Amino acid sequence: MVVNLKKKRELVSRMLGVGANRIHFEPDKLDDIADSITREDIRKLIKNGSIWTSKVKGTSRSRAKEKASTHKKHGTGMGSKQGKKTVRMGKKETYVKKIRAMRYRLKVMKSRNDINREIFWNLYKKVNGGQVRSLAHLRDLVKQSKGI
């Protein structure tokens, strides 16, 4: 039995405060929906799940995000940079990067037997204490400790 549910759809949309196109009816329960007269009957059908609303389709931001991420990459070459190194990278980030590089260098030297365990820990503590400025300074300290 084909039932015209246009008015029911409009009533439900007014009750729920959404557009009529967002209202959906359960195909098996169309007769029950057609028989429902009062708002109370419709509320029961909504509670049962015979009537529901679809979510609002928003505008997708994926293309905009992709464009923005591409745009962020432009103008980041060496000629466009101004100010100190710490302006673009935080002091802590710079410190962590430097310390990790020095610890890695020490580890490599120890594994190659360029330095022994005693020198390794001596230099490791100096790196940790902030007494070593850079990898070049570390290299000089290694030469001094070896007596070359």
C-alpha atoms as a PDB file:
ATOM      1  CA  MET A   1       0.000   0.000   0.000  1.00  0.00           C
ATOM      2  CA  VAL A   2       1.520   3.299  -1.136  1.00  0.00           C
ATOM      3  CA  VAL A   3       1.111   5.990   1.478  1.00  0.00           C
ATOM      4  CA  ASN A   4       1.728   9.714   1.020  1.00  0.00           C
ATOM      5  CA  LEU A   5       3.733  10.736   4.086  1.00  0.00           C
ATOM      6  CA  LYS A   6       4.569  14.298   3.038  1.00  0.00           C
ATOM      7  CA  LYS A   7       2.526  15.922   5.816  1.00  0.00           C
ATOM      8  CA  LYS A   8       3.892  13.481   8.405  1.00  0.00           C
ATOM      9  CA  ARG A   9       7.408  14.362   7.305  1.00  0.00           C
ATOM     10  CA  GLU A  10       6.657  18.081   7.672  1.00  0.00           C
ATOM     11  CA  LEU A  11       5.162  17.518  11.126  1.00  0.00           C
ATOM     12  CA  VAL A  12       8.195  15.546  12.296  1.00  0.00           C
ATOM     13  CA  SER A  13      10.554  18.174  10.894  1.00  0.00           C
ATOM     14  CA  ARG A  14       8.684  20.911  12.831  1.00  0.00           C
ATOM     15  CA  MET A  15       8.812  18.797  16.004  1.00  0.00           C
ATOM     16  CA  LEU A  16      12.537  18.052  15.750  1.00  0.00           C
ATOM     17  CA  GLY A  17      13.489  21.432  14.332  1.00  0.00           C
ATOM     18  CA  VAL A  18      15.253  20.078  11.260  1.00  0.00           C
ATOM     19  CA  GLY A  19      14.614  20.236   7.523  1.00  0.00           C
ATOM     20  CA  ALA A  20      12.078  17.869   5.958  1.00  0.00           C
ATOM     21  CA  ASN A  21      14.740  16.312   3.736  1.00  0.00           C
ATOM     22  CA  ARG A  22      16.660  15.083   6.793  1.00  0.00           C
ATOM     23  CA  ILE A  23      13.716  13.002   8.079  1.00  0.00           C
ATOM     24  CA  HIS A  24      13.867   9.259   7.356  1.00  0.00           C
ATOM     25  CA  PHE A  25      11.196   6.608   7.883  1.00  0.00           C
ATOM     26  CA  GLU A  26      11.742   2.887   8.427  1.00  0.00           C
ATOM     27  CA  PRO A  27      10.405   1.217   5.242  1.00  0.00           C
ATOM     28  CA  ASP A  28       8.841  -1.671   7.206  1.00  0.00           C
ATOM     29  CA  LYS A  29       6.952   0.647   9.562  1.00  0.00           C
ATOM     30  CA  LEU A  30       5.305   2.958   6.993  1.00  0.00           C
ATOM     31  CA  ASP A  31       1.813   1.755   7.918  1.00  0.00           C
ATOM     32  CA  ASP A  32       2.386   2.578  11.613  1.00  0.00           C
ATOM     33  CA  ILE A  33       3.687   6.020  10.631  1.00  0.00           C
ATOM     34  CA  ALA A  34       0.656   6.617   8.416  1.00  0.00           C
ATOM     35  CA  ASP A  35      -1.675   5.614  11.298  1.00  0.00           C
ATOM     36  CA  SER A  36       0.011   7.941  13.784  1.00  0.00           C
ATOM     37  CA  ILE A  37      -2.074  11.084  14.150  1.00  0.00           C
ATOM     38  CA  THR A  38      -0.889  12.924  17.231  1.00  0.00           C
ATOM     39  CA  ARG A  39       2.502  14.294  18.130  1.00  0.00           C
ATOM     40  CA  GLU A  40       2.599  11.815  20.991  1.00  0.00           C
ATOM     41  CA  ASP A  41       2.286   8.915  18.521  1.00  0.00           C
ATOM     42  CA  ILE A  42       5.144  10.349  16.469  1.00  0.00           C
ATOM     43  CA  ARG A  43       7.298  10.787  19.576  1.00  0.00           C
ATOM     44  CA  LYS A  44       6.813   7.080  20.328  1.00  0.00           C
ATOM     45  CA  LEU A  45       7.875   6.168  16.775  1.00  0.00           C
ATOM     46  CA  ILE A  46      10.980   8.344  17.113  1.00  0.00           C
ATOM     47  CA  LYS A  47      11.814   6.636  20.399  1.00  0.00           C
ATOM     48  CA  ASN A  48      11.333   3.190  18.771  1.00  0.00           C
ATOM     49  CA  GLY A  49      13.691   4.145  15.939  1.00  0.00           C
ATOM     50  CA  SER A  50      11.074   4.013  13.188  1.00  0.00           C
ATOM     51  CA  ILE A  51      11.721   7.697  12.459  1.00  0.00           C
ATOM     52  CA  TRP A  52      15.179   9.257  12.554  1.00  0.00           C
ATOM     53  CA  THR A  53      17.118  12.208  11.179  1.00  0.00           C
ATOM     54  CA  SER A  54      20.296  12.197   9.144  1.00  0.00           C
ATOM     55  CA  LYS A  55      23.249  14.331  10.187  1.00  0.00           C
ATOM     56  CA  VAL A  56      23.986  17.668   8.544  1.00  0.00           C
ATOM     57  CA  LYS A  57      26.440  17.410   5.678  1.00  0.00           C
ATOM     58  CA  GLY A  58      29.021  20.112   6.233  1.00  0.00           C
ATOM     59  CA  THR A  59      31.599  21.474   3.843  1.00  0.00           C
ATOM     60  CA  SER A  60      34.693  19.278   3.823  1.00  0.00           C
ATOM     61  CA  ARG A  61      37.862  21.058   4.967  1.00  0.00           C
ATOM     62  CA  SER A  62      40.265  18.460   3.548  1.00  0.00           C
ATOM     63  CA  ARG A  63      41.087  20.404   0.369  1.00  0.00           C
ATOM     64  CA  ALA A  64      41.537  23.628   2.333  1.00  0.00           C
ATOM     65  CA  LYS A  65      43.861  21.903   4.816  1.00  0.00           C
ATOM     66  CA  GLU A  66      45.925  20.398   2.004  1.00  0.00           C
ATOM     67  CA  LYS A  67      46.223  23.794   0.320  1.00  0.00           C
ATOM     68  CA  ALA A  68      47.232  25.449   3.605  1.00  0.00           C
ATOM     69  CA  SER A  69      49.892  22.801   4.297  1.00  0.00           C
ATOM     70  CA  THR A  70      51.315  23.344   0.797  1.00  0.00           C
ATOM     71  CA  HIS A  71      51.246  27.110   1.299  1.00  0.00           C
ATOM     72  CA  LYS A  72      53.161  26.768   4.584  1.00  0.00           C
ATOM     73  CA  LYS A  73      56.050  25.130   2.722  1.00  0.00           C
ATOM     74  CA  HIS A  74      56.533  28.121   0.420  1.00  0.00           C
ATOM     75  CA  GLY A  75      58.914  30.885   1.405  1.00  0.00           C
ATOM     76  CA  THR A  76      60.888  28.752   3.847  1.00  0.00           C
ATOM     77  CA  GLY A  77      64.138  28.687   1.856  1.00  0.00           C
ATOM     78  CA  MET A  78      67.438  30.041   3.153  1.00  0.00           C
ATOM     79  CA  GLY A  79      66.935  33.432   1.472  1.00  0.00           C
ATOM     80  CA  SER A  80      63.633  34.040   3.253  1.00  0.00           C
ATOM     81  CA  LYS A  81      64.868  33.375   6.781  1.00  0.00           C
ATOM     82  CA  GLN A  82      65.435  36.290   9.128  1.00  0.00           C
ATOM     83  CA  GLY A  83      66.559  36.518  12.732  1.00  0.00           C
ATOM     84  CA  LYS A  84      68.430  34.078  14.925  1.00  0.00           C
ATOM     85  CA  LYS A  85      68.237  30.310  14.671  1.00  0.00           C
ATOM     86  CA  THR A  86      66.300  30.217  17.936  1.00  0.00           C
ATOM     87  CA  VAL A  87      63.504  32.287  16.394  1.00  0.00           C
ATOM     88  CA  ARG A  88      62.426  29.434  14.149  1.00  0.00           C
ATOM     89  CA  MET A  89      63.350  26.631  16.544  1.00  0.00           C
ATOM     90  CA  GLY A  90      62.873  26.848  20.309  1.00  0.00           C
ATOM     91  CA  LYS A  91      65.837  26.829  22.680  1.00  0.00           C
ATOM     92  CA  LYS A  92      64.846  23.520  24.247  1.00  0.00           C
ATOM     93  CA  GLU A  93      64.382  21.885  20.848  1.00  0.00           C
ATOM     94  CA  THR A  94      67.826  23.112  19.774  1.00  0.00           C
ATOM     95  CA  TYR A  95      69.364  21.865  23.028  1.00  0.00           C
ATOM     96  CA  VAL A  96      67.782  18.408  22.718  1.00  0.00           C
ATOM     97  CA  LYS A  97      68.937  18.094  19.099  1.00  0.00           C
ATOM     98  CA  LYS A  98      72.501  19.076  20.009  1.00  0.00           C
ATOM     99  CA  ILE A  99      72.712  16.789  23.047  1.00  0.00           C
ATOM    100  CA  ARG A 100      71.369  13.790  21.135  1.00  0.00           C
ATOM    101  CA  ALA A 101      73.892  14.365  18.350  1.00  0.00           C
ATOM    102  CA  MET A 102      76.782  14.529  20.830  1.00  0.00           C
ATOM    103  CA  ARG A 103      75.633  11.429  22.736  1.00  0.00           C
ATOM    104  CA  TYR A 104      75.295   9.522  19.470  1.00  0.00           C
ATOM    105  CA  ARG A 105      78.800  10.623  18.406  1.00  0.00           C
ATOM    106  CA  LEU A 106      80.212   9.433  21.738  1.00  0.00           C
ATOM    107  CA  LYS A 107      78.437   6.099  21.374  1.00  0.00           C
ATOM    108  CA  VAL A 108      79.872   5.610  17.889  1.00  0.00           C
ATOM    109  CA  MET A 109      83.394   6.483  19.075  1.00  0.00           C
ATOM    110  CA  LYS A 110      83.078   3.990  21.923  1.00  0.00           C
ATOM    111  CA  SER A 111      81.820   1.213  19.619  1.00  0.00           C
ATOM    112  CA  ARG A 112      84.738   1.849  17.222  1.00  0.00           C
ATOM    113  CA  ASN A 113      87.137   1.711  20.178  1.00  0.00           C
ATOM    114  CA  ASP A 114      88.329   5.270  19.482  1.00  0.00           C
ATOM    115  CA  ILE A 115      87.778   6.001  23.178  1.00  0.00           C
ATOM    116  CA  ASN A 116      87.686   3.723  26.192  1.00  0.00           C
ATOM    117  CA  ARG A 117      84.903   3.438  28.771  1.00  0.00           C
ATOM    118  CA  GLU A 118      86.529   5.858  31.206  1.00  0.00           C
ATOM    119  CA  ILE A 119      86.936   8.650  28.630  1.00  0.00           C
ATOM    120  CA  PHE A 120      83.431   7.947  27.318  1.00  0.00           C
ATOM    121  CA  TRP A 121      81.793   8.521  30.714  1.00  0.00           C
ATOM    122  CA  ASN A 122      83.957  11.513  31.466  1.00  0.00           C
ATOM    123  CA  LEU A 123      82.894  13.191  28.207  1.00  0.00           C
ATOM    124  CA  TYR A 124      79.281  11.995  28.581  1.00  0.00           C
ATOM    125  CA  LYS A 125      79.049  13.790  31.933  1.00  0.00           C
ATOM    126  CA  LYS A 126      80.579  16.925  30.426  1.00  0.00           C
ATOM    127  CA  VAL A 127      78.000  16.859  27.627  1.00  0.00           C
ATOM    128  CA  ASN A 128      75.220  16.404  30.181  1.00  0.00           C
ATOM    129  CA  GLY A 129      76.590  19.269  32.302  1.00  0.00           C
ATOM    130  CA  GLY A 130      76.633  21.666  29.363  1.00  0.00           C
ATOM    131  CA  GLN A 131      80.436  21.980  29.233  1.00  0.00           C
ATOM    132  CA  VAL A 132      80.592  20.907  25.567  1.00  0.00           C
ATOM    133  CA  ARG A 133      79.503  23.540  23.034  1.00  0.00           C
ATOM    134  CA  SER A 134      79.290  21.537  19.818  1.00  0.00           C
ATOM    135  CA  LEU A 135      80.403  18.404  17.979  1.00  0.00           C
ATOM    136  CA  ALA A 136      83.610  20.170  16.942  1.00  0.00           C
ATOM    137  CA  HIS A 137      84.311  21.012  20.583  1.00  0.00           C
ATOM    138  CA  LEU A 138      83.604  17.387  21.509  1.00  0.00           C
ATOM    139  CA  ARG A 139      86.099  16.244  18.875  1.00  0.00           C
ATOM    140  CA  ASP A 140      88.751  18.567  20.360  1.00  0.00           C
ATOM    141  CA  LEU A 141      88.058  17.243  23.862  1.00  0.00           C
ATOM    142  CA  VAL A 142      88.452  13.677  22.602  1.00  0.00           C
ATOM    143  CA  LYS A 143      91.847  14.582  21.089  1.00  0.00           C
ATOM    144  CA  GLN A 144      92.926  16.228  24.349  1.00  0.00           C
ATOM    145  CA  SER A 145      91.824  13.280  26.476  1.00  0.00           C
ATOM    146  CA  LYS A 146      93.672  10.828  24.229  1.00  0.00           C
ATOM    147  CA  GLY A 147      96.795  13.022  24.426  1.00  0.00           C
ATOM    148  CA  ILE A 148      97.245  13.499  20.678  1.00  0.00           C
END
